[in-house]
Protein backbone atom coordinates (compact mmCIF):
# COMPACT_ATOMS: atom_id res chain seq x y z
CA MET A 1 223.48 218.14 3.51
CA ASN A 2 225.73 216.18 5.56
CA LYS A 3 223.42 212.80 5.28
CA GLU A 4 225.78 210.87 7.37
CA ALA A 5 225.31 213.49 10.40
CA VAL A 6 221.04 212.65 10.62
CA PHE A 7 220.27 210.10 13.47
CA HIS A 8 217.10 209.28 15.02
CA MET A 9 216.14 206.18 17.22
CA MET A 10 212.80 204.69 17.99
CA GLU A 11 211.75 204.38 21.77
CA SER A 12 214.90 205.88 23.63
CA GLN A 13 215.64 209.61 24.55
CA TRP A 14 214.96 210.54 21.19
CA ALA A 15 211.75 209.39 21.16
CA ASN A 16 210.31 209.77 24.80
CA PRO A 17 206.56 209.54 26.08
CA ILE A 18 206.43 211.37 29.37
CA ASP A 19 202.55 210.64 29.47
CA VAL A 20 200.38 208.19 27.77
CA ASP A 21 199.17 211.40 25.30
CA GLU A 22 202.47 213.07 24.93
CA ILE A 23 205.69 212.74 23.51
CA ILE A 24 209.21 213.85 22.91
CA ILE A 25 211.27 213.49 19.82
CA ARG A 26 214.59 214.57 18.92
CA LEU A 27 216.23 214.64 15.74
CA ARG A 28 220.31 214.90 15.33
CA THR A 29 221.75 216.76 12.27
CA ALA A 30 225.14 218.40 11.20
CA LYS A 31 224.88 222.11 11.76
CA GLU A 32 223.75 223.35 8.71
CA LYS A 33 221.16 225.89 7.56
CA LEU A 34 217.94 223.21 7.71
CA GLU A 35 214.19 223.15 8.18
CA VAL A 36 213.24 220.25 10.00
CA TYR A 37 209.79 218.90 10.26
CA LEU A 38 208.16 215.94 12.04
CA VAL A 39 205.42 214.60 9.74
CA TYR A 40 203.43 211.99 12.26
CA GLY A 41 199.90 210.22 11.94
CA TRP A 42 198.09 207.37 13.93
CA GLN A 43 198.85 204.12 12.95
CA PHE A 44 195.90 202.44 12.09
CA ASP A 45 193.74 205.53 10.79
CA LEU A 46 192.73 203.99 6.94
CA PRO A 47 194.49 205.96 5.33
CA ILE A 48 197.09 208.19 7.90
CA VAL A 49 195.87 211.78 7.69
CA TRP A 50 199.56 212.99 8.04
CA ASN A 51 200.14 215.97 10.39
CA GLU A 52 203.29 218.42 10.24
CA ILE A 53 205.24 220.16 12.82
CA LYS A 54 207.99 222.27 12.44
CA MET A 55 211.24 221.23 14.86
CA GLU A 56 213.48 223.86 16.48
CA VAL A 57 217.10 223.10 17.66
CA ALA A 58 216.76 222.67 21.13
CA TYR A 59 220.82 222.03 21.69
CA GLU A 60 223.91 222.16 19.64
CA ASP A 61 227.35 221.05 20.26
CA GLU A 62 230.92 221.73 18.20
CA LEU A 63 229.46 219.46 15.20
CA PHE A 64 225.74 218.90 15.57
CA TYR A 65 222.28 220.16 15.92
CA TYR A 66 219.61 218.54 18.13
CA TYR A 67 216.06 219.64 17.08
CA GLU A 68 213.27 219.05 19.87
CA THR A 69 209.15 218.90 19.80
CA ARG A 70 206.84 217.84 21.91
CA ILE A 71 203.34 217.05 20.73
CA ARG A 72 200.13 215.92 22.12
CA LEU A 73 198.85 212.46 20.73
CA ASP A 74 195.03 211.72 19.70
CA ASP A 75 196.40 208.31 19.87
CA ARG A 76 198.75 205.64 21.97
CA ARG A 77 200.18 204.46 18.59
CA LEU A 78 202.39 207.21 16.44
CA CYS A 79 203.92 206.53 13.24
CA TYR A 80 206.14 209.45 11.86
CA VAL A 81 209.35 210.51 9.98
CA PHE A 82 211.36 213.57 9.24
CA LYS A 83 211.24 216.19 6.44
CA ILE A 84 214.31 217.71 6.08
CA ASN A 85 214.58 220.91 3.71
CA ASP A 86 218.05 221.96 2.61
CA GLY A 87 217.01 225.42 0.85
CA HIS A 88 216.67 223.66 -2.37
CA ASN A 89 215.19 220.12 -1.62
CA ASP A 90 212.76 218.13 0.61
CA TYR A 91 214.40 214.69 2.19
CA TYR A 92 212.73 212.17 4.20
CA PHE A 93 214.04 210.34 6.74
CA SER A 94 212.16 207.16 7.76
CA GLU A 95 213.62 203.42 8.76
CA ASP A 96 215.18 203.41 5.52
CA GLY A 97 217.78 206.28 6.01
CA LEU A 98 217.10 209.29 3.97
CA SER A 99 215.84 209.92 0.48
CA GLU A 100 214.08 212.56 -2.06
CA ASN A 101 211.00 210.88 -2.74
CA TYR A 102 209.21 209.18 0.04
CA ASP A 103 205.55 208.07 -0.71
CA LEU A 104 203.69 208.72 2.62
CA ALA A 105 200.55 206.63 1.45
CA ASP A 106 202.69 203.36 1.66
CA ALA A 107 205.09 204.15 4.58
CA TYR A 108 203.91 201.43 6.62
CA TYR A 109 206.96 199.17 6.16
CA ASN A 110 209.30 201.87 7.11
CA PHE A 111 207.96 204.63 9.03
CA PHE A 112 209.29 205.29 12.54
CA GLN A 113 207.00 204.09 15.43
CA MET A 114 205.78 204.19 18.70
CA PRO A 115 203.90 201.03 18.85
CA TYR A 116 201.66 201.67 21.62
CA ILE A 117 202.51 203.73 24.99
CA ASN A 118 201.29 201.71 27.73
CA GLU A 119 201.48 202.49 31.33
CA ALA A 120 203.47 200.48 32.50
CA ASP A 121 206.26 202.11 30.66
CA LEU A 122 206.30 205.23 31.26
CA PHE A 123 209.08 206.37 33.13
CA PRO A 124 207.24 209.60 35.71
CA THR A 125 209.49 211.91 37.46
CA VAL A 126 209.88 211.78 40.92
CA ALA A 127 208.28 215.23 41.72
CA TRP A 128 210.20 216.68 45.11
CA MET A 129 213.02 215.88 43.09
CA LYS A 130 212.40 218.77 40.61
CA GLU A 131 212.94 221.49 43.31
CA ALA A 132 215.28 219.73 45.84
CA VAL A 133 218.03 220.97 47.32
CA PHE A 134 220.44 218.05 48.65
CA TYR A 135 223.69 218.30 51.18
CA GLN A 136 225.62 215.45 51.59
CA ILE A 137 226.74 214.88 54.72
CA PHE A 138 230.07 212.39 55.68
CA VAL A 139 228.74 211.74 58.75
CA ASP A 140 231.45 211.11 60.96
CA ARG A 141 232.91 215.09 60.29
CA PHE A 142 229.65 217.09 59.98
CA ALA A 143 228.53 217.71 63.86
CA ARG A 144 228.50 215.68 67.12
CA ALA A 145 225.55 215.47 69.76
CA ASN A 146 225.97 212.43 71.64
CA PHE A 147 228.62 212.66 74.37
CA SER A 148 227.54 209.84 76.31
CA LYS A 149 228.31 207.20 73.91
CA ASP A 150 231.59 205.03 74.09
CA ASP A 151 234.47 207.32 72.51
CA SER A 152 237.31 205.28 72.42
CA TYR A 153 237.39 204.82 68.84
CA ILE A 154 237.83 208.75 68.43
CA ASN A 155 241.55 209.72 67.23
CA MET A 156 241.76 212.81 66.00
CA VAL A 157 240.85 216.30 67.17
CA TRP A 158 237.66 217.59 65.01
CA GLU A 159 239.55 220.38 63.76
CA ASP A 160 242.84 218.71 62.47
CA LYS A 161 242.94 217.15 59.13
CA PRO A 162 242.05 213.73 59.01
CA SER A 163 243.97 210.69 57.66
CA PRO A 164 242.35 207.47 55.97
CA VAL A 165 241.99 206.02 59.55
CA SER A 166 240.90 209.01 61.46
CA PHE A 167 237.57 209.13 63.45
CA ALA A 168 236.33 212.63 64.70
CA GLY A 169 233.21 211.17 66.32
CA GLY A 170 230.15 213.21 63.89
CA ASP A 171 226.72 211.03 64.77
CA LEU A 172 222.95 211.04 63.71
CA LEU A 173 221.84 213.27 66.73
CA GLY A 174 224.62 215.80 65.96
CA ILE A 175 222.58 216.28 62.50
CA VAL A 176 219.45 216.15 63.99
CA ASP A 177 220.73 219.34 66.26
CA LYS A 178 221.46 221.32 62.92
CA LEU A 179 218.34 220.68 60.96
CA ASP A 180 216.95 224.42 61.70
CA TYR A 181 220.31 225.79 59.81
CA LEU A 182 219.68 223.55 57.29
CA LYS A 183 216.33 224.01 56.72
CA ASP A 184 217.36 228.00 56.86
CA LEU A 185 220.21 227.19 54.15
CA GLY A 186 217.45 226.02 51.87
CA VAL A 187 218.35 222.33 51.89
CA SER A 188 215.26 219.86 51.46
CA ALA A 189 217.11 216.78 51.31
CA ILE A 190 219.90 214.96 52.87
CA TYR A 191 222.18 212.10 51.20
CA LEU A 192 224.51 210.58 54.01
CA THR A 193 227.23 208.58 53.08
CA PRO A 194 226.41 204.73 54.67
CA ILE A 195 225.88 204.53 58.27
CA PHE A 196 225.38 200.98 58.63
CA ARG A 197 227.79 198.85 60.92
CA SER A 198 231.36 198.94 59.53
CA ASN A 199 234.92 199.06 60.77
CA SER A 200 235.71 202.35 58.96
CA ASN A 201 235.30 205.93 59.33
CA HIS A 202 233.40 206.07 55.77
CA LYS A 203 231.74 202.84 56.41
CA TYR A 204 231.93 201.51 52.40
CA ASP A 205 232.91 197.87 53.91
CA ILE A 206 229.89 197.13 55.68
CA ILE A 207 229.68 194.48 58.22
CA ASP A 208 225.78 194.17 58.77
CA TYR A 209 223.29 196.02 56.41
CA PHE A 210 220.33 195.60 59.21
CA LYS A 211 222.52 198.07 61.94
CA ILE A 212 223.43 201.34 62.34
CA ASP A 213 227.01 201.85 63.10
CA PRO A 214 227.05 202.24 66.86
CA HIS A 215 229.40 205.13 66.12
CA PHE A 216 226.72 207.01 64.57
CA GLY A 217 224.11 206.14 67.06
CA ASP A 218 221.19 203.23 67.59
CA GLU A 219 217.53 202.90 65.51
CA ASP A 220 216.17 205.58 67.86
CA ASP A 221 218.47 208.09 67.08
CA PHE A 222 217.79 207.20 63.51
CA ARG A 223 214.34 207.27 63.44
CA LYS A 224 214.39 210.66 65.33
CA LEU A 225 216.44 211.94 62.26
CA VAL A 226 214.10 210.97 59.92
CA GLU A 227 210.96 212.15 61.76
CA ASN A 228 212.23 215.38 62.22
CA LEU A 229 213.49 215.77 58.51
CA HIS A 230 209.47 215.33 57.60
CA THR A 231 208.20 217.33 59.86
CA ARG A 232 210.06 219.90 58.18
CA ASP A 233 209.14 218.85 54.98
CA MET A 234 212.29 217.38 53.94
CA LYS A 235 213.94 214.08 52.89
CA LEU A 236 216.47 211.50 53.62
CA VAL A 237 218.37 209.22 51.00
CA LEU A 238 220.74 206.84 52.00
CA ASP A 239 223.89 205.54 50.32
CA GLY A 240 223.62 201.65 49.58
CA VAL A 241 226.71 199.43 48.94
CA PHE A 242 225.96 196.79 46.97
CA ASN A 243 228.65 195.97 45.27
CA HIS A 244 230.58 194.59 47.70
CA MET A 245 230.79 194.25 51.33
CA SER A 246 233.26 194.09 54.03
CA LYS A 247 235.49 190.69 54.34
CA ASP A 248 234.25 190.95 57.68
CA ASN A 249 230.63 190.46 57.27
CA PRO A 250 229.68 187.12 58.42
CA ILE A 251 228.72 186.33 55.00
CA PHE A 252 232.08 186.11 54.01
CA GLN A 253 233.52 185.15 56.45
CA ASP A 254 231.50 181.85 56.32
CA VAL A 255 233.13 181.69 52.34
CA LEU A 256 236.38 182.21 53.71
CA ALA A 257 235.88 179.25 56.39
CA LYS A 258 233.99 176.74 54.42
CA GLN A 259 235.20 177.79 50.91
CA LYS A 260 232.92 175.54 48.39
CA ASP A 261 230.97 173.66 51.39
CA SER A 262 229.52 177.47 52.38
CA ASP A 263 226.19 178.14 51.07
CA TYR A 264 227.26 181.58 50.20
CA PHE A 265 230.40 180.54 48.10
CA ASP A 266 228.38 181.75 44.82
CA TRP A 267 227.70 185.04 45.97
CA PHE A 268 230.79 186.42 45.25
CA TYR A 269 233.65 185.58 42.43
CA ILE A 270 235.66 183.06 43.76
CA ASN A 271 239.16 181.62 42.34
CA GLU A 272 240.25 178.53 42.12
CA ASP A 273 243.63 179.67 43.87
CA LYS A 274 241.49 181.26 46.75
CA THR A 275 241.71 184.53 45.58
CA TYR A 276 238.78 186.71 44.63
CA GLU A 277 237.57 189.83 42.62
CA THR A 278 237.07 193.15 44.95
CA PHE A 279 236.02 196.81 44.87
CA ALA A 280 238.78 198.12 42.42
CA LYS A 281 242.15 196.56 44.30
CA VAL A 282 241.08 196.43 47.74
CA THR A 283 240.90 193.08 49.08
CA ALA A 284 238.69 194.39 52.19
CA MET A 285 235.79 195.06 50.01
CA PRO A 286 234.87 191.46 48.23
CA LYS A 287 232.69 192.08 45.14
CA ILE A 288 229.24 190.82 45.34
CA ASN A 289 227.80 188.62 42.79
CA THR A 290 224.44 190.31 41.92
CA SER A 291 223.58 188.00 39.44
CA ASN A 292 222.82 185.50 42.04
CA LYS A 293 219.23 185.30 42.71
CA LYS A 294 219.66 184.70 46.32
CA VAL A 295 221.98 188.06 46.18
CA GLN A 296 219.59 189.82 44.42
CA LYS A 297 216.84 188.69 47.09
CA TYR A 298 219.12 189.69 50.23
CA LEU A 299 219.97 193.12 49.21
CA ILE A 300 216.51 193.99 48.02
CA ASP A 301 215.26 192.91 50.87
CA VAL A 302 217.93 195.30 52.86
CA GLY A 303 216.64 198.05 50.43
CA LYS A 304 212.94 197.79 51.43
CA TYR A 305 213.74 196.99 55.31
CA TRP A 306 214.84 200.99 55.79
CA ILE A 307 212.04 201.72 54.06
CA GLU A 308 209.25 199.81 55.65
CA LYS A 309 210.83 200.54 58.78
CA PHE A 310 211.73 204.16 58.75
CA ASP A 311 210.13 205.54 55.74
CA ILE A 312 213.20 206.82 54.33
CA ASP A 313 213.13 208.65 50.95
CA GLY A 314 215.46 206.69 48.32
CA TRP A 315 218.60 204.96 47.92
CA ARG A 316 221.72 206.58 46.36
CA LEU A 317 223.53 203.40 44.78
CA ASP A 318 227.43 202.96 45.17
CA VAL A 319 229.43 201.54 42.20
CA SER A 320 226.43 201.48 41.11
CA ASP A 321 227.46 200.67 36.86
CA GLU A 322 229.44 197.56 37.88
CA ILE A 323 226.34 196.17 38.89
CA SER A 324 223.66 193.91 37.17
CA HIS A 325 221.11 195.47 35.09
CA ASP A 326 219.10 192.75 35.54
CA PHE A 327 219.63 192.77 39.67
CA TRP A 328 218.44 196.96 39.31
CA ARG A 329 215.48 196.07 37.45
CA ALA A 330 214.03 193.77 39.97
CA PHE A 331 215.32 196.42 42.70
CA ARG A 332 213.51 199.13 41.01
CA LYS A 333 210.28 197.02 40.73
CA GLU A 334 210.49 196.29 44.49
CA ILE A 335 210.91 199.83 45.32
CA LYS A 336 208.56 201.57 43.58
CA GLY A 337 206.02 199.43 44.52
CA LEU A 338 206.81 199.91 48.07
CA LYS A 339 207.24 203.24 47.85
CA LYS A 340 206.36 205.10 44.73
CA ASP A 341 208.30 208.77 45.01
CA ALA A 342 211.70 206.93 46.65
CA VAL A 343 213.93 208.36 44.36
CA ILE A 344 216.88 205.87 43.10
CA ILE A 345 220.27 207.32 42.10
CA GLY A 346 223.60 205.81 41.24
CA GLU A 347 226.58 206.54 40.99
CA ASN A 348 227.85 206.57 37.78
CA TRP A 349 230.74 209.08 36.71
CA HIS A 350 229.93 208.07 32.78
CA ASP A 351 227.64 208.01 30.39
CA GLY A 352 224.81 206.03 32.41
CA SER A 353 221.97 205.86 29.61
CA SER A 354 221.55 202.60 29.61
CA PHE A 355 220.48 202.56 33.78
CA LEU A 356 218.46 205.43 32.55
CA MET A 357 215.82 204.17 30.32
CA GLY A 358 212.90 204.13 33.01
CA ASP A 359 213.18 200.57 34.37
CA GLN A 360 216.58 201.06 36.73
CA PHE A 361 217.63 204.16 38.09
CA ASP A 362 215.80 207.81 38.24
CA SER A 363 218.46 209.28 37.84
CA ILE A 364 222.61 209.48 38.08
CA MET A 365 225.62 211.49 39.99
CA ASN A 366 225.88 214.17 37.18
CA TYR A 367 229.79 213.91 37.38
CA SER A 368 229.64 214.88 33.08
CA PHE A 369 228.14 218.27 34.61
CA THR A 370 230.77 218.00 37.70
CA LYS A 371 234.04 217.53 34.85
CA ALA A 372 232.49 220.27 32.59
CA SER A 373 232.04 222.94 35.54
CA LEU A 374 235.67 222.09 36.66
CA ASP A 375 236.98 222.57 33.59
CA TYR A 376 235.44 225.73 32.88
CA PHE A 377 235.83 227.37 36.14
CA LYS A 378 239.62 226.41 36.19
CA GLY A 379 239.96 228.15 32.82
CA GLU A 380 240.53 225.33 31.04
CA ILE A 381 237.57 225.45 28.43
CA GLU A 382 235.99 228.47 27.77
CA ALA A 383 232.05 229.52 27.59
CA ARG A 384 231.31 228.35 23.79
CA ALA A 385 232.91 225.16 24.48
CA MET A 386 231.00 225.07 28.23
CA ALA A 387 227.79 225.22 26.53
CA PHE A 388 228.23 222.66 23.90
CA ARG A 389 229.78 220.15 27.27
CA LEU A 390 226.66 221.09 28.76
CA ASN A 391 224.15 220.54 26.18
CA ARG A 392 225.95 217.39 25.24
CA VAL A 393 225.11 216.22 28.76
CA LEU A 394 221.32 217.15 28.28
CA VAL A 395 221.03 215.26 24.95
CA ARG A 396 222.29 211.84 26.11
CA ASN A 397 219.52 211.73 28.42
CA LYS A 398 215.78 211.52 28.70
CA ASP A 399 213.78 214.81 30.17
CA GLN A 400 212.75 213.02 32.91
CA VAL A 401 216.00 212.06 33.79
CA ASN A 402 217.67 215.65 33.31
CA ARG A 403 215.11 216.78 36.06
CA MET A 404 216.63 214.80 38.36
CA ASN A 405 220.43 214.35 37.78
CA LEU A 406 222.20 215.15 40.89
CA ASN A 407 224.41 218.10 39.60
CA PHE A 408 227.27 218.98 42.06
CA LEU A 409 230.52 220.17 42.34
CA ASP A 410 232.15 218.36 44.67
CA THR A 411 231.53 214.88 46.83
CA HIS A 412 233.55 213.03 49.47
CA ASP A 413 235.26 211.19 46.63
CA THR A 414 236.79 214.42 44.99
CA LEU A 415 238.76 217.43 45.66
CA ARG A 416 236.68 220.37 47.09
CA PHE A 417 235.50 222.42 44.19
CA LEU A 418 237.11 225.47 46.33
CA THR A 419 240.52 224.17 46.78
CA GLU A 420 240.07 223.42 42.78
CA VAL A 421 239.59 227.23 42.10
CA ASP A 422 242.37 228.10 44.09
CA GLY A 423 240.40 229.40 47.07
CA SER A 424 237.97 231.97 44.84
CA GLU A 425 234.89 232.17 46.47
CA ASP A 426 233.33 234.38 43.68
CA LYS A 427 233.94 231.32 41.20
CA LEU A 428 231.85 229.25 43.95
CA LEU A 429 229.17 231.26 44.12
CA SER A 430 229.02 231.30 40.36
CA GLY A 431 229.59 227.21 40.24
CA ILE A 432 226.53 227.05 42.67
CA ALA A 433 224.67 229.33 40.72
CA LEU A 434 225.19 226.94 37.26
CA MET A 435 224.07 223.85 39.59
CA THR A 436 221.14 225.51 40.77
CA VAL A 437 219.34 227.00 37.48
CA PHE A 438 220.71 223.77 35.48
CA ILE A 439 218.14 221.62 35.10
CA GLY A 440 218.14 218.82 37.38
CA THR A 441 218.21 218.16 41.52
CA THR A 442 221.01 221.00 42.98
CA SER A 443 223.52 218.97 45.72
CA MET A 444 226.09 220.52 47.74
CA TYR A 445 228.63 218.83 49.56
CA TYR A 446 228.76 219.67 53.31
CA GLY A 447 230.73 222.47 54.61
CA THR A 448 230.97 224.03 51.03
CA GLU A 449 229.00 226.98 52.30
CA ILE A 450 231.45 227.88 55.24
CA GLY A 451 234.41 227.75 52.53
CA LEU A 452 235.53 224.36 53.73
CA GLU A 453 238.69 223.33 51.49
CA GLY A 454 240.33 220.28 51.03
CA ALA A 455 243.03 218.12 48.49
CA TYR A 456 241.90 214.45 47.55
CA ASP A 457 240.44 212.07 49.88
CA PRO A 458 241.27 211.99 52.94
CA ASP A 459 241.81 215.73 52.70
CA CYS A 460 238.38 216.36 51.16
CA ARG A 461 236.67 214.45 54.39
CA ARG A 462 237.52 217.33 56.78
CA SER A 463 235.50 217.82 60.11
CA PHE A 464 233.00 220.85 59.53
CA LEU A 465 234.11 224.15 61.55
CA TRP A 466 230.95 225.40 63.40
CA ASP A 467 233.03 228.43 64.47
CA ARG A 468 233.14 229.49 60.97
CA ILE A 469 229.55 230.71 60.51
CA GLY A 470 229.64 234.22 62.08
CA GLU A 471 233.01 234.46 59.50
CA LYS A 472 231.06 233.50 56.32
CA GLU A 473 228.12 235.04 56.83
CA ASN A 474 228.23 236.81 53.44
CA LEU A 475 229.02 233.81 51.55
CA ILE A 476 226.45 231.92 53.63
CA ARG A 477 223.75 234.52 53.02
CA LYS A 478 224.83 234.51 49.16
CA ILE A 479 223.84 230.71 48.79
CA LYS A 480 220.80 231.07 50.28
CA GLU A 481 219.58 233.78 47.98
CA ILE A 482 220.50 231.07 44.49
CA PHE A 483 218.74 228.15 46.56
CA ALA A 484 216.01 230.15 46.84
CA LEU A 485 215.74 230.41 43.10
CA LYS A 486 214.38 226.44 42.99
CA ARG A 487 210.98 227.59 44.05
CA LYS A 488 210.60 229.59 40.93
CA ASP A 489 208.56 227.48 38.32
CA ALA A 490 210.87 228.34 35.46
CA ILE A 491 213.55 226.37 37.46
CA ARG A 492 211.36 223.77 39.01
CA GLU A 493 209.41 223.06 35.81
CA GLY A 494 210.72 224.96 32.56
CA GLY A 495 212.60 224.19 29.54
CA ILE A 496 216.25 224.92 28.96
CA ARG A 497 218.30 226.85 26.72
CA VAL A 498 222.39 226.98 26.99
CA LYS A 499 224.24 229.00 24.99
CA SER A 500 227.40 231.65 25.02
CA ASP A 501 227.35 235.23 23.83
CA GLU A 502 231.04 236.40 23.38
CA GLY A 503 232.52 235.09 26.20
CA LEU A 504 229.54 234.84 28.78
CA LEU A 505 227.79 231.70 29.41
CA ILE A 506 223.90 232.13 29.54
CA ILE A 507 221.69 229.78 31.06
CA GLU A 508 217.67 230.44 30.05
CA ARG A 509 215.24 228.72 31.95
CA PHE A 510 211.36 228.82 30.58
CA TYR A 511 207.95 228.26 31.67
CA GLY A 512 204.86 229.65 29.99
CA SER A 513 205.22 233.76 30.30
CA SER A 514 208.12 233.46 32.94
CA LYS A 515 211.82 233.49 31.69
CA ILE A 516 215.10 233.50 34.23
CA LYS A 517 218.65 234.01 32.70
CA LEU A 518 221.86 233.06 34.25
CA VAL A 519 224.88 234.67 33.55
CA ILE A 520 228.07 234.01 34.17
CA ASN A 521 231.58 236.53 33.25
CA LEU A 522 235.07 234.26 34.11
CA ASN A 523 236.78 237.55 32.19
CA GLU A 524 237.49 240.83 32.12
CA ALA A 525 234.27 243.49 33.38
CA ARG A 526 231.73 243.52 31.03
CA GLN A 527 228.28 246.00 30.29
CA ILE A 528 225.55 244.07 30.15
CA ASP A 529 222.23 245.20 29.22
CA LEU A 530 219.34 244.22 31.46
CA GLY A 531 216.39 244.66 28.77
CA ASP A 532 213.21 244.56 30.68
CA PHE A 533 214.73 241.80 33.38
CA ASN A 534 214.65 242.26 36.65
CA ILE A 535 218.23 241.34 39.12
CA LEU A 536 217.06 238.19 41.50
CA THR A 537 221.00 237.82 42.90
CA SER A 538 224.31 238.08 41.39
CA ASN A 539 227.74 238.57 43.22
CA ARG A 540 229.55 241.06 41.28
CA TYR A 541 227.42 243.61 39.38
CA GLU A 542 228.27 247.01 39.64
CA GLU A 543 226.59 249.90 38.07
CA GLY A 544 225.47 248.03 34.55
CA SER A 545 228.66 245.74 34.37
CA LEU A 546 229.16 242.33 35.47
CA LEU A 547 232.77 241.93 36.78
CA GLU A 548 235.07 239.11 36.32
CA ASN A 549 234.69 235.86 38.17
CA SER A 550 231.00 237.00 38.59
CA PHE A 551 227.18 235.61 38.04
CA ILE A 552 224.30 237.62 37.47
CA VAL A 553 220.68 235.89 37.68
CA LEU A 554 217.49 237.55 35.86
CA GLU A 555 213.95 237.01 35.66
CA LYS A 556 211.28 238.42 33.36
CA ASN A 557 207.82 237.69 33.74
CA THR A 558 205.36 239.34 31.03
CA LYS A 559 201.78 238.50 31.14
CA LEU A 560 200.60 237.14 28.09
CA PHE A 561 197.11 239.09 26.77
């Protein structure tokens, strides 16, 4: 047995209470033929009565198996060790590592433990996120409805390709006008890029956090949007830019004018030579010192204001991994205290596990899923490597996080997925099926359903071409079919297995007696046996054959007697 590969960590994604009486336990081993058991008891039983349950492989990658079990608890104080059999000997894995001999009667000093499951430490899932289909809108480019506003700022024809300084004229009322269209598409939540007063078209350089930018409308327009969404049982998440602000923000202008005499001088990172830290290297966006307690109060008040006054449903947090953990812990307490089911989503492009222990974010934008999808659909990795990549994404997070992570193919910060796959709508549909069946929250960038293409920013921010709706009727219809899967219990609540089989990528979701299976084939046509599964949706399936660049979603529901 490869002893060096065995790993576990207490009170983490490796030992994760999901309620006061239920916990998920994981153990990593090398990819060997082993039998793994969780040996557990209640810490203050005298003597401890040890129970034993066999663990199963839930995930695998190139190097490791990841075993998992979920157990019900009779006591909130859990103690446990692992028993591993390699076909010859039993080994026990405890805080002291692996040993062939382990005295369970004298385990108090070195068993693993969950000292006590406190309600305040639980990480609840935001229920509506498990079945949500998000639609991300870059407001200036989606739709315009207010033609009485001052539009002297508009400097591009709607259909033209944008430049970094283009303004097309999209507004909040334009979104209101399209809500029935979005609802019919299967969308249940909207994520808006920033809407606050700013000089730019993207609004990530905020001048006033408490004002709607007049390019987009006013408070009445915004209230109308929120109310119309909620009437349709849809949610709204806003973009919170708390890492930096505009240099034209009065707060920063006060610092420029008064320097160290400004009340806001320590709100930023000002150097002795009067230069300052910024977002990236953009001097127009000074970086905010979120370790400052006065800054924390100010920005938390911003977060609370839009919930209290307009009842928004959460925040997507820009450049979230550059902001102090201390701030996010305070932010979460205030936001969740105000609206328990308001979601908090971080923009972390990399492993965000340090932010995802239940005291900061609910989830992140799942760029690891996005990159794996790009590599797979562009032909840079095959199905087996893709399955391993997706399993690694899953095992790095707690189950609650996986169910709320935002799975997407592209955003306003990336090339359009359709452009990345050379315009293949079949690969696009397979990608949408993957991000919908994969565990988590589905998120689609506006215009994807009409085949909108685009290279890197600003080209990925083209205007929505509404006259394409009829032309792309078949693509839209197929996306509707895929999004309808989110209402299935196996997708909304179920477990997941990710694997490959002879070049096919397979995602299995299961809940109770029902099972849903997604099969993706990027290779030559392949015969597949449906068995006792029924077809829910597919794009290129003919007479028992799954054609190249195709997917199929199957459902099995066997009643148990």
